[in-house]
């Protein structure tokens, strides 16, 4: 059975996830660890639990989700996995990260790509890949069907959705992604988003103002 643990990192308050199972294998999703203290927090958890990272995964490649890519790749010698359509987004980070007054150790290049319909496997865990563009050109979500949760990146939040005013973003595309890929999932599927607290598909279907017609 897969378990998921979150860490909130960097000035953007981004959620980094470690997903692991009884085999001891794990993946690190969207590592936003920026400071040495944040890096120690992530590595300390992995070491304490006796986990062996197998992959580094980016749901999308905005700056707040990739600040720790180099640290994770160098520390555990794991390949970066993402959607091929996010490569331009990843490459642009170095161009604008200085605008935030931040330093950035450039991310490694991806070694494996994920696309709609793929089943991503590590240890004893399987996660379905859902392509959900709109917040960024080629965002993906990872759905652990047997374990009842989804890692949604910046697609769907508690009472909100991802912003669409960044390059490659599009509001109508994002809403379509959510309605066609996420809302058909069972009500009790827990949603672990790139920011804020977890939620469920059922809750967002009923109360999210962007999805129930109450947003003004």
Protein backbone atom coordinates (compact mmCIF):
# COMPACT_ATOMS: atom_id res chain seq x y z
CA UNK A 1 0.00 0.00 0.00
CA UNK A 2 1.37 3.40 -0.98
CA UNK A 3 1.72 6.17 1.56
CA UNK A 4 2.31 9.85 0.92
CA UNK A 5 4.03 12.48 3.05
CA UNK A 6 4.18 16.20 2.29
CA UNK A 7 6.72 18.90 3.05
CA UNK A 8 6.06 22.60 2.53
CA UNK A 9 9.14 24.31 1.15
CA UNK A 10 10.53 27.57 -0.25
CA UNK A 11 9.06 31.09 -0.24
CA UNK A 12 6.22 29.96 -2.50
CA UNK A 13 4.97 27.50 0.17
CA UNK A 14 5.12 24.63 -2.31
CA UNK A 15 4.20 21.08 -1.33
CA UNK A 16 6.87 18.47 -2.01
CA UNK A 17 5.75 14.84 -1.77
CA UNK A 18 7.42 11.56 -0.97
CA UNK A 19 5.34 8.56 -2.05
CA UNK A 20 6.51 5.19 -0.73
CA UNK A 21 5.33 1.67 -0.01
CA UNK A 22 6.22 -1.42 2.00
CA UNK A 23 9.03 -2.30 -0.42
CA UNK A 24 11.00 0.72 0.79
CA UNK A 25 11.03 2.21 -2.69
CA UNK A 26 9.88 5.80 -3.06
CA UNK A 27 9.53 8.67 -5.48
CA UNK A 28 10.09 12.35 -4.77
CA UNK A 29 7.52 14.55 -6.50
CA UNK A 30 8.11 18.25 -7.21
CA UNK A 31 11.04 18.84 -4.86
CA UNK A 32 10.86 22.47 -3.86
CA UNK A 33 13.52 22.24 -1.15
CA UNK A 34 15.51 25.44 -1.40
CA UNK A 35 17.49 26.07 1.77
CA UNK A 36 19.99 23.69 3.38
CA UNK A 37 17.51 23.25 6.24
CA UNK A 38 14.80 22.17 3.81
CA UNK A 39 17.18 19.78 2.10
CA UNK A 40 18.06 18.27 5.48
CA UNK A 41 14.38 17.90 6.35
CA UNK A 42 13.70 15.93 3.18
CA UNK A 43 16.81 13.76 3.36
CA UNK A 44 16.34 13.20 7.09
CA UNK A 45 12.87 11.77 6.56
CA UNK A 46 14.02 9.48 3.77
CA UNK A 47 16.96 8.23 5.83
CA UNK A 48 14.89 7.76 9.00
CA UNK A 49 12.32 5.69 7.12
CA UNK A 50 15.02 3.66 5.38
CA UNK A 51 13.65 4.53 1.95
CA UNK A 52 15.36 4.15 -1.39
CA UNK A 53 14.39 6.86 -3.90
CA UNK A 54 13.77 5.43 -7.37
CA UNK A 55 12.65 8.47 -9.35
CA UNK A 56 12.39 12.24 -9.24
CA UNK A 57 9.08 13.33 -10.78
CA UNK A 58 7.90 16.78 -11.84
CA UNK A 59 4.16 17.25 -12.34
CA UNK A 60 5.14 20.47 -14.11
CA UNK A 61 8.22 22.66 -14.17
CA UNK A 62 7.50 26.07 -12.70
CA UNK A 63 10.28 27.40 -10.48
CA UNK A 64 8.72 26.52 -7.12
CA UNK A 65 8.44 22.85 -8.09
CA UNK A 66 11.96 22.34 -9.41
CA UNK A 67 14.21 24.24 -6.98
CA UNK A 68 15.29 20.94 -5.44
CA UNK A 69 15.69 18.93 -8.63
CA UNK A 70 19.46 19.16 -8.66
CA UNK A 71 19.75 18.33 -4.95
CA UNK A 72 17.55 15.24 -5.27
CA UNK A 73 19.23 14.02 -8.45
CA UNK A 74 22.72 14.45 -7.05
CA UNK A 75 21.94 13.04 -3.60
CA UNK A 76 20.19 9.84 -4.67
CA UNK A 77 21.33 9.46 -8.30
CA UNK A 78 17.76 9.15 -9.54
CA UNK A 79 16.44 9.98 -13.03
CA UNK A 80 14.12 12.91 -13.65
CA UNK A 81 10.74 11.88 -15.06
CA UNK A 82 8.15 14.29 -16.50
CA UNK A 83 6.04 15.06 -19.56
CA UNK A 84 8.09 15.94 -22.62
CA UNK A 85 5.98 19.05 -23.17
CA UNK A 86 7.35 20.61 -19.99
CA UNK A 87 10.95 20.78 -21.25
CA UNK A 88 10.66 24.42 -22.42
CA UNK A 89 9.12 25.36 -19.07
CA UNK A 90 12.02 23.72 -17.25
CA UNK A 91 14.61 25.49 -19.37
CA UNK A 92 13.01 28.90 -18.77
CA UNK A 93 13.46 28.72 -15.00
CA UNK A 94 17.09 29.82 -15.20
CA UNK A 95 16.00 32.91 -17.15
CA UNK A 96 13.62 34.31 -14.54
CA UNK A 97 14.56 32.85 -11.16
CA UNK A 98 16.79 35.86 -10.48
CA UNK A 99 13.72 38.10 -10.66
CA UNK A 100 12.72 36.57 -7.31
CA UNK A 101 16.16 37.20 -5.82
CA UNK A 102 16.78 33.46 -5.64
CA UNK A 103 19.66 31.25 -6.68
CA UNK A 104 19.11 28.10 -8.70
CA UNK A 105 21.21 25.03 -9.34
CA UNK A 106 20.02 24.07 -12.82
CA UNK A 107 17.93 20.94 -13.00
CA UNK A 108 19.23 17.83 -14.71
CA UNK A 109 17.60 16.95 -18.01
CA UNK A 110 14.77 14.39 -17.96
CA UNK A 111 15.66 10.79 -18.68
CA UNK A 112 12.16 9.41 -19.02
CA UNK A 113 8.85 10.85 -20.18
CA UNK A 114 5.31 10.21 -19.00
CA UNK A 115 2.16 10.65 -21.06
CA UNK A 116 -1.59 10.11 -20.85
CA UNK A 117 -2.46 6.48 -20.23
CA UNK A 118 0.95 5.47 -18.92
CA UNK A 119 1.14 3.44 -15.73
CA UNK A 120 4.06 4.67 -13.65
CA UNK A 121 5.53 1.95 -11.45
CA UNK A 122 7.98 1.85 -8.57
CA UNK A 123 8.30 -0.70 -5.80
CA UNK A 124 4.86 -2.32 -5.43
CA UNK A 125 3.01 0.83 -6.46
CA UNK A 126 1.24 1.75 -9.68
CA UNK A 127 0.09 5.27 -10.53
CA UNK A 128 -1.93 6.22 -13.59
CA UNK A 129 -0.68 9.24 -15.51
CA UNK A 130 -3.32 11.85 -16.35
CA UNK A 131 -2.40 14.71 -18.68
CA UNK A 132 -3.97 17.89 -17.31
CA UNK A 133 -2.70 20.97 -19.17
CA UNK A 134 -3.92 24.47 -18.48
CA UNK A 135 -1.84 25.71 -15.57
CA UNK A 136 1.22 24.84 -17.61
CA UNK A 137 1.45 23.39 -21.12
CA UNK A 138 1.85 19.73 -20.15
CA UNK A 139 1.03 19.25 -16.47
CA UNK A 140 0.42 15.72 -15.29
CA UNK A 141 -1.33 14.23 -12.29
CA UNK A 142 -0.40 10.90 -10.71
CA UNK A 143 -3.37 8.80 -9.62
CA UNK A 144 -2.82 5.94 -7.18
CA UNK A 145 -6.13 4.22 -7.83
CA UNK A 146 -5.66 1.31 -5.44
CA UNK A 147 -4.65 3.68 -2.64
CA UNK A 148 -7.29 6.32 -3.22
CA UNK A 149 -5.25 9.45 -3.81
CA UNK A 150 -3.96 11.69 -6.57
CA UNK A 151 -1.01 14.08 -6.70
CA UNK A 152 -2.45 16.99 -8.66
CA UNK A 153 0.40 19.47 -8.94
CA UNK A 154 -1.03 22.96 -9.48
CA UNK A 155 -4.15 21.80 -11.30
CA UNK A 156 -6.74 21.51 -8.53
CA UNK A 157 -6.63 23.00 -5.04
CA UNK A 158 -8.86 23.24 -1.99
CA UNK A 159 -11.57 25.67 -3.17
CA UNK A 160 -9.41 26.80 -6.07
CA UNK A 161 -7.57 25.93 -9.27
CA UNK A 162 -4.13 26.67 -10.69
CA UNK A 163 -3.40 30.12 -12.04
CA UNK A 164 -3.48 30.45 -15.81
CA UNK A 165 -1.72 33.79 -16.38
CA UNK A 166 1.76 32.29 -16.75
CA UNK A 167 3.28 31.43 -20.17
CA UNK A 168 1.52 28.40 -21.58
CA UNK A 169 -1.44 28.70 -19.23
CA UNK A 170 -5.03 28.74 -20.44
CA UNK A 171 -8.16 28.93 -18.28
CA UNK A 172 -10.52 27.01 -20.56
CA UNK A 173 -7.94 24.27 -21.06
CA UNK A 174 -7.46 23.92 -17.31
CA UNK A 175 -11.18 23.71 -16.60
CA UNK A 176 -11.55 21.08 -19.32
CA UNK A 177 -8.66 19.08 -17.83
CA UNK A 178 -10.27 19.12 -14.40
CA UNK A 179 -13.75 18.24 -15.64
CA UNK A 180 -12.62 15.47 -17.98
CA UNK A 181 -9.77 13.91 -16.00
CA UNK A 182 -10.31 14.61 -12.29
CA UNK A 183 -14.00 15.08 -11.56
CA UNK A 184 -14.93 11.63 -12.93
CA UNK A 185 -12.83 10.06 -10.15
CA UNK A 186 -14.61 8.75 -7.03
CA UNK A 187 -15.70 11.27 -4.41
CA UNK A 188 -13.40 9.89 -1.74
CA UNK A 189 -10.19 10.20 -3.75
CA UNK A 190 -7.87 12.42 -1.74
CA UNK A 191 -6.21 15.24 -3.64
CA UNK A 192 -2.66 16.23 -2.73
CA UNK A 193 -2.02 19.55 -4.44
CA UNK A 194 1.08 21.63 -5.06
CA UNK A 195 -0.03 24.21 -2.48
CA UNK A 196 -2.38 24.37 0.50
CA UNK A 197 -4.01 21.51 2.36
CA UNK A 198 -5.33 18.25 0.90
CA UNK A 199 -8.90 17.95 -0.26
CA UNK A 200 -11.09 15.35 -1.98
CA UNK A 201 -12.61 15.07 -5.42
CA UNK A 202 -16.11 15.02 -3.96
CA UNK A 203 -15.58 18.14 -1.92
CA UNK A 204 -14.23 20.09 -4.87
CA UNK A 205 -17.01 18.88 -7.14
CA UNK A 206 -19.56 20.27 -4.69
CA UNK A 207 -17.92 23.36 -3.24
CA UNK A 208 -15.16 24.61 -5.54
CA UNK A 209 -16.49 27.91 -6.93
CA UNK A 210 -14.60 27.50 -10.20
CA UNK A 211 -16.34 24.18 -10.82
CA UNK A 212 -19.86 24.63 -9.45
CA UNK A 213 -20.69 27.91 -11.15
CA UNK A 214 -20.51 30.18 -8.10
CA UNK A 215 -17.22 31.93 -8.91
CA UNK A 216 -17.74 35.60 -9.74
